[in-house]
Protein backbone atom coordinates (compact mmCIF):
# COMPACT_ATOMS: atom_id res chain seq x y z
CA MET A 1 -3.43 -63.48 22.04
CA LYS A 2 -2.66 -61.19 19.13
CA LYS A 3 -5.25 -60.96 16.40
CA LYS A 4 -4.40 -61.28 12.74
CA TYR A 5 -4.86 -57.59 11.96
CA PHE A 6 -3.65 -54.40 13.66
CA CYS A 7 -5.51 -51.10 13.28
CA VAL A 8 -5.02 -47.55 14.57
CA ILE A 9 -8.03 -45.30 15.14
CA SER A 10 -8.35 -41.58 15.80
CA ASN A 11 -10.73 -38.65 15.25
CA ASP A 12 -11.10 -34.90 15.72
CA ASP A 13 -14.13 -34.85 18.04
CA GLY A 14 -12.08 -36.05 21.00
CA ILE A 15 -11.34 -39.33 22.70
CA THR A 16 -14.72 -39.49 24.47
CA ALA A 17 -16.77 -38.99 21.27
CA ALA A 18 -19.45 -41.56 20.44
CA GLY A 19 -18.23 -41.78 16.82
CA LEU A 20 -14.80 -43.03 17.91
CA LYS A 21 -16.45 -45.65 20.12
CA ALA A 22 -18.46 -46.79 17.08
CA VAL A 23 -15.26 -47.39 15.10
CA TYR A 24 -13.78 -49.30 18.05
CA GLU A 25 -16.92 -51.43 18.26
CA ALA A 26 -16.77 -52.18 14.55
CA LEU A 27 -13.11 -53.22 14.57
CA GLU A 28 -12.85 -54.97 17.94
CA PRO A 29 -13.88 -58.41 16.59
CA LEU A 30 -11.42 -58.11 13.71
CA ALA A 31 -8.19 -56.61 14.97
CA ASP A 32 -5.92 -55.43 17.72
CA ILE A 33 -6.64 -51.70 18.08
CA LEU A 34 -4.45 -48.79 19.07
CA VAL A 35 -6.41 -45.63 19.95
CA SER A 36 -4.67 -42.26 19.65
CA ALA A 37 -7.09 -39.34 19.79
CA PRO A 38 -7.26 -35.70 20.90
CA ASP A 39 -8.01 -35.07 24.56
CA THR A 40 -10.62 -32.49 23.53
CA GLN A 41 -12.64 -31.29 20.54
CA ARG A 42 -10.32 -30.38 17.63
CA SER A 43 -12.73 -30.00 14.71
CA GLY A 44 -11.45 -27.79 11.90
CA ALA A 45 -7.82 -28.51 12.75
CA SER A 46 -7.26 -29.80 9.20
CA HIS A 47 -3.77 -31.25 8.74
CA SER A 48 -2.08 -28.92 11.23
CA ILE A 49 0.61 -30.16 13.63
CA SER A 50 1.98 -28.73 16.88
CA CYS A 51 5.22 -26.91 16.06
CA ASP A 52 5.41 -24.31 18.84
CA ARG A 53 4.50 -26.35 21.93
CA SER A 54 5.01 -29.75 23.48
CA ILE A 55 2.33 -32.40 23.19
CA ARG A 56 0.98 -33.95 26.39
CA VAL A 57 0.11 -37.63 26.22
CA LYS A 58 -1.80 -39.62 28.83
CA LYS A 59 -2.60 -43.33 28.79
CA VAL A 60 -6.26 -44.01 29.56
CA ARG A 61 -8.52 -47.06 29.67
CA TYR A 62 -10.50 -47.62 26.47
CA GLY A 63 -12.69 -50.63 25.84
CA SER A 64 -10.76 -53.71 26.80
CA GLY A 65 -7.39 -52.00 26.44
CA GLN A 66 -5.57 -48.71 26.67
CA ALA A 67 -5.58 -45.57 24.57
CA TYR A 68 -3.49 -42.46 24.20
CA SER A 69 -5.18 -39.16 25.01
CA VAL A 70 -3.21 -36.47 23.16
CA SER A 71 -3.22 -32.70 23.67
CA GLY A 72 -2.31 -32.07 20.04
CA THR A 73 -4.14 -32.05 16.73
CA PRO A 74 -5.61 -35.05 14.91
CA ALA A 75 -2.55 -35.13 12.64
CA ASP A 76 -0.35 -35.13 15.76
CA CYS A 77 -2.33 -38.11 17.02
CA ALA A 78 -1.76 -39.98 13.77
CA LYS A 79 1.97 -39.17 13.60
CA LEU A 80 2.56 -40.14 17.23
CA ALA A 81 0.64 -43.39 16.81
CA LEU A 82 2.41 -44.44 13.62
CA LEU A 83 5.92 -43.20 14.46
CA THR A 84 6.06 -43.81 18.22
CA PHE A 85 3.21 -45.72 19.86
CA ALA A 86 2.73 -48.58 17.37
CA LYS A 87 5.11 -51.50 17.80
CA ARG A 88 4.35 -52.87 14.34
CA LYS A 89 3.09 -51.34 11.11
CA PRO A 90 -0.71 -51.08 11.14
CA ASP A 91 -2.74 -52.82 8.48
CA LEU A 92 -5.28 -49.98 8.50
CA PHE A 93 -5.82 -46.50 9.93
CA ILE A 94 -9.36 -45.23 10.53
CA SER A 95 -10.40 -41.71 11.52
CA GLY A 96 -13.92 -40.88 12.74
CA VAL A 97 -16.79 -41.32 12.84
CA ASN A 98 -17.02 -37.53 12.61
CA HIS A 99 -20.15 -35.90 14.02
CA GLY A 100 -21.16 -34.02 10.88
CA PRO A 101 -20.35 -34.62 7.19
CA ASN A 102 -16.96 -34.10 5.59
CA ILE A 103 -17.86 -33.35 2.00
CA GLU A 104 -16.99 -30.86 -0.75
CA GLN A 105 -14.39 -28.21 0.07
CA PHE A 106 -14.84 -28.84 3.80
CA VAL A 107 -12.56 -31.88 3.58
CA LEU A 108 -9.73 -29.32 3.47
CA TYR A 109 -10.62 -28.07 6.97
CA SER A 110 -11.49 -31.44 8.48
CA GLY A 111 -9.35 -32.79 11.30
CA THR A 112 -10.94 -36.18 10.65
CA VAL A 113 -9.63 -36.17 7.08
CA GLY A 114 -6.36 -34.59 8.26
CA ALA A 115 -5.57 -37.53 10.55
CA ALA A 116 -6.35 -40.05 7.81
CA ALA A 117 -4.30 -38.04 5.31
CA GLU A 118 -1.27 -38.19 7.60
CA ALA A 119 -1.59 -41.97 7.73
CA ALA A 120 -1.89 -42.10 3.93
CA ILE A 121 1.24 -39.98 3.56
CA LEU A 122 3.08 -42.35 5.92
CA GLY A 123 2.10 -45.30 3.74
CA VAL A 124 -0.71 -46.83 5.81
CA PRO A 125 -4.08 -47.58 4.14
CA ALA A 126 -6.51 -45.03 5.54
CA LEU A 127 -10.25 -44.46 5.84
CA ALA A 128 -12.09 -41.36 7.07
CA PHE A 129 -15.69 -41.83 8.25
CA SER A 130 -18.28 -39.09 8.86
CA ILE A 131 -22.04 -38.93 9.31
CA ASP A 132 -24.47 -36.25 8.12
CA GLU A 133 -25.72 -35.60 11.66
CA TYR A 134 -24.14 -33.24 14.19
CA ALA A 135 -25.78 -35.01 17.13
CA PRO A 136 -26.14 -38.62 15.98
CA GLU A 137 -28.59 -40.66 18.01
CA ASN A 138 -26.93 -43.98 17.21
CA PHE A 139 -24.30 -45.57 14.99
CA VAL A 140 -25.92 -48.97 14.45
CA ALA A 141 -25.92 -48.78 10.65
CA ALA A 142 -22.51 -47.09 10.59
CA VAL A 143 -20.90 -49.85 12.66
CA GLN A 144 -22.09 -52.50 10.20
CA TYR A 145 -20.70 -50.66 7.18
CA ILE A 146 -17.44 -49.69 8.92
CA ARG A 147 -16.81 -53.34 9.74
CA LYS A 148 -17.69 -54.44 6.20
CA ILE A 149 -15.52 -51.80 4.49
CA ALA A 150 -12.60 -52.30 6.89
CA LEU A 151 -12.67 -56.06 6.37
CA LYS A 152 -12.67 -55.60 2.58
CA VAL A 153 -9.51 -53.45 2.89
CA LEU A 154 -7.82 -55.80 5.38
CA GLN A 155 -8.50 -58.87 3.23
CA GLY A 156 -7.36 -57.14 0.03
CA GLY A 157 -10.78 -56.91 -1.61
CA ILE A 158 -10.34 -53.12 -1.72
CA ARG A 159 -6.87 -51.84 -2.55
CA ILE A 160 -6.10 -48.24 -1.65
CA LYS A 161 -3.44 -46.53 -3.75
CA LYS A 162 -0.41 -45.12 -1.93
CA HIS A 163 -0.95 -41.58 -0.57
CA THR A 164 -4.70 -41.96 -1.10
CA LEU A 165 -7.49 -42.34 1.45
CA LEU A 166 -11.15 -43.25 1.11
CA ASN A 167 -13.44 -40.57 2.48
CA VAL A 168 -16.72 -42.18 3.53
CA ASN A 169 -19.86 -40.24 4.50
CA PHE A 170 -22.99 -41.77 6.00
CA PRO A 171 -26.37 -40.11 5.39
CA ASP A 172 -28.77 -38.87 8.06
CA THR A 173 -30.91 -41.95 8.66
CA ARG A 174 -33.39 -40.49 11.15
CA ASN A 175 -36.00 -40.25 8.40
CA GLY A 176 -35.24 -43.47 6.57
CA THR A 177 -32.74 -46.22 5.87
CA VAL A 178 -29.55 -46.21 3.82
CA LYS A 179 -30.46 -46.46 0.13
CA GLY A 180 -27.14 -47.83 -1.01
CA VAL A 181 -23.51 -46.94 -1.69
CA LYS A 182 -22.21 -44.56 -4.37
CA ILE A 183 -18.65 -43.78 -5.45
CA MET A 184 -18.74 -40.00 -5.90
CA PRO A 185 -16.38 -37.11 -6.66
CA LYS A 186 -15.81 -34.39 -4.10
CA GLY A 187 -17.99 -31.36 -4.81
CA PHE A 188 -17.31 -27.63 -4.46
CA TYR A 189 -19.17 -24.59 -3.11
CA GLU A 190 -22.53 -26.04 -2.21
CA TYR A 191 -22.94 -23.91 0.94
CA ALA A 192 -23.57 -20.23 1.61
CA GLU A 193 -20.88 -19.08 4.05
CA LYS A 194 -20.60 -15.83 5.94
CA TYR A 195 -19.22 -14.25 9.11
CA ILE A 196 -21.45 -12.68 11.74
CA LYS A 197 -20.01 -9.79 13.72
CA LYS A 198 -20.81 -9.82 17.42
CA SER A 199 -20.66 -6.88 19.80
CA GLY A 200 -17.18 -5.52 20.23
CA GLY A 201 -15.14 -6.10 23.36
CA LYS A 202 -12.72 -3.88 25.21
CA ASN A 203 -10.04 -1.89 23.38
CA GLY A 204 -11.97 -1.94 20.11
CA THR A 205 -11.82 -5.73 19.68
CA SER A 206 -14.50 -7.22 17.43
CA TYR A 207 -15.71 -10.83 17.37
CA TYR A 208 -16.75 -12.79 14.29
CA TRP A 209 -18.48 -16.15 14.07
CA HIS A 210 -18.29 -18.35 11.00
CA ILE A 211 -21.76 -19.38 9.79
CA ILE A 212 -22.54 -22.09 7.24
CA GLY A 213 -25.88 -21.70 5.46
CA LYS A 214 -28.07 -24.30 3.81
CA LYS A 215 -26.48 -26.49 1.17
CA THR A 216 -27.77 -26.69 -2.39
CA ILE A 217 -30.00 -29.73 -2.86
CA ARG A 218 -30.01 -31.37 -6.30
CA LYS A 219 -32.03 -34.41 -7.28
CA THR A 220 -29.32 -35.39 -9.73
CA HIS A 221 -26.41 -36.85 -7.79
CA LEU A 222 -23.38 -35.06 -9.21
CA THR A 223 -21.23 -34.85 -6.06
CA ASP A 224 -20.69 -36.41 -2.65
CA ALA A 225 -23.01 -33.82 -1.07
CA ASP A 226 -25.88 -34.65 -3.45
CA ALA A 227 -25.71 -38.38 -2.81
CA VAL A 228 -25.40 -38.05 0.97
CA SER A 229 -28.43 -35.74 1.01
CA GLY A 230 -30.26 -38.34 -1.07
CA GLY A 231 -29.74 -41.05 1.54
CA PHE A 232 -26.67 -42.80 0.11
CA ILE A 233 -23.35 -43.69 1.67
CA THR A 234 -20.66 -41.98 -0.41
CA ILE A 235 -17.09 -43.12 -0.92
CA THR A 236 -14.64 -40.61 -2.39
CA PRO A 237 -10.95 -41.41 -2.98
CA LEU A 238 -8.77 -38.43 -2.04
CA ASP A 239 -5.19 -38.29 -3.35
CA PHE A 240 -2.65 -36.52 -1.13
CA ASP A 241 0.24 -36.78 -3.56
CA LEU A 242 -0.93 -33.23 -4.54
CA ASN A 243 1.07 -33.11 -7.79
CA ASP A 244 -0.85 -31.85 -10.83
CA ASP A 245 1.01 -33.77 -13.52
CA GLU A 246 -1.13 -32.39 -16.36
CA ALA A 247 -0.40 -28.78 -15.41
CA ARG A 248 3.31 -29.47 -14.96
CA VAL A 249 3.55 -30.86 -18.50
CA LYS A 250 1.70 -27.85 -19.96
CA LEU A 251 3.66 -25.16 -18.13
CA LYS A 252 6.64 -23.68 -20.01
CA PRO A 253 9.66 -22.28 -18.07
CA GLY A 254 10.04 -19.37 -20.46
CA VAL A 255 6.67 -17.91 -19.41
CA PHE A 256 8.14 -17.13 -15.99
CA MET A 257 11.26 -15.40 -17.22
CA VAL A 258 11.46 -11.63 -16.71
């Protein structure tokens, strides 16, 4: 028997990731679920799509139903699910739970956010979930909040503006419990980044590895990163309309004339 709601879920950590199973567990009592996720790890894929190769799709067992294991990017997974696999328009699209936070400028690189952004662009209410642990031991607290937030959206208690998604980050709870929920802006440049050069290969080839240093810790919660570090769940609306209306009004055509 069909349930009242219909949800699509995806991620960028791959179809076997524990975070995706947590989302499935949270939604299973509430909705019919379509799973469309990468067949392997695709972190950092951002909003990229496969333009120069075909995308392999395989149906696999998942929970009490079937899922689509996709060789493409997270955005490919979202587009295929919403434009091809789904037989009716979903009430909600959820991406995650990502193993590791998606905060500050790193939302631009996130495949988790990329999948949710594609759903938002296609007019489906979207949520992206991440946790501030790269090897989470469990998702017990996350499942409870995912279910609560999803139900609020499904029942209309939370209305998400068109082309906007809610980016939700859970704190590392290994040293304590969740302190609460904060609505926070996305921060910028809280990490020290660099590239490490490894020994060169044959024919003069060099190898570089991207390294992310420690993030700045502030007691005053100014951004999503601050609040997550402080033990709070953060919710940040992200608008993918991308137009800067204020700048467009201020710009004068004559300035660009030669």
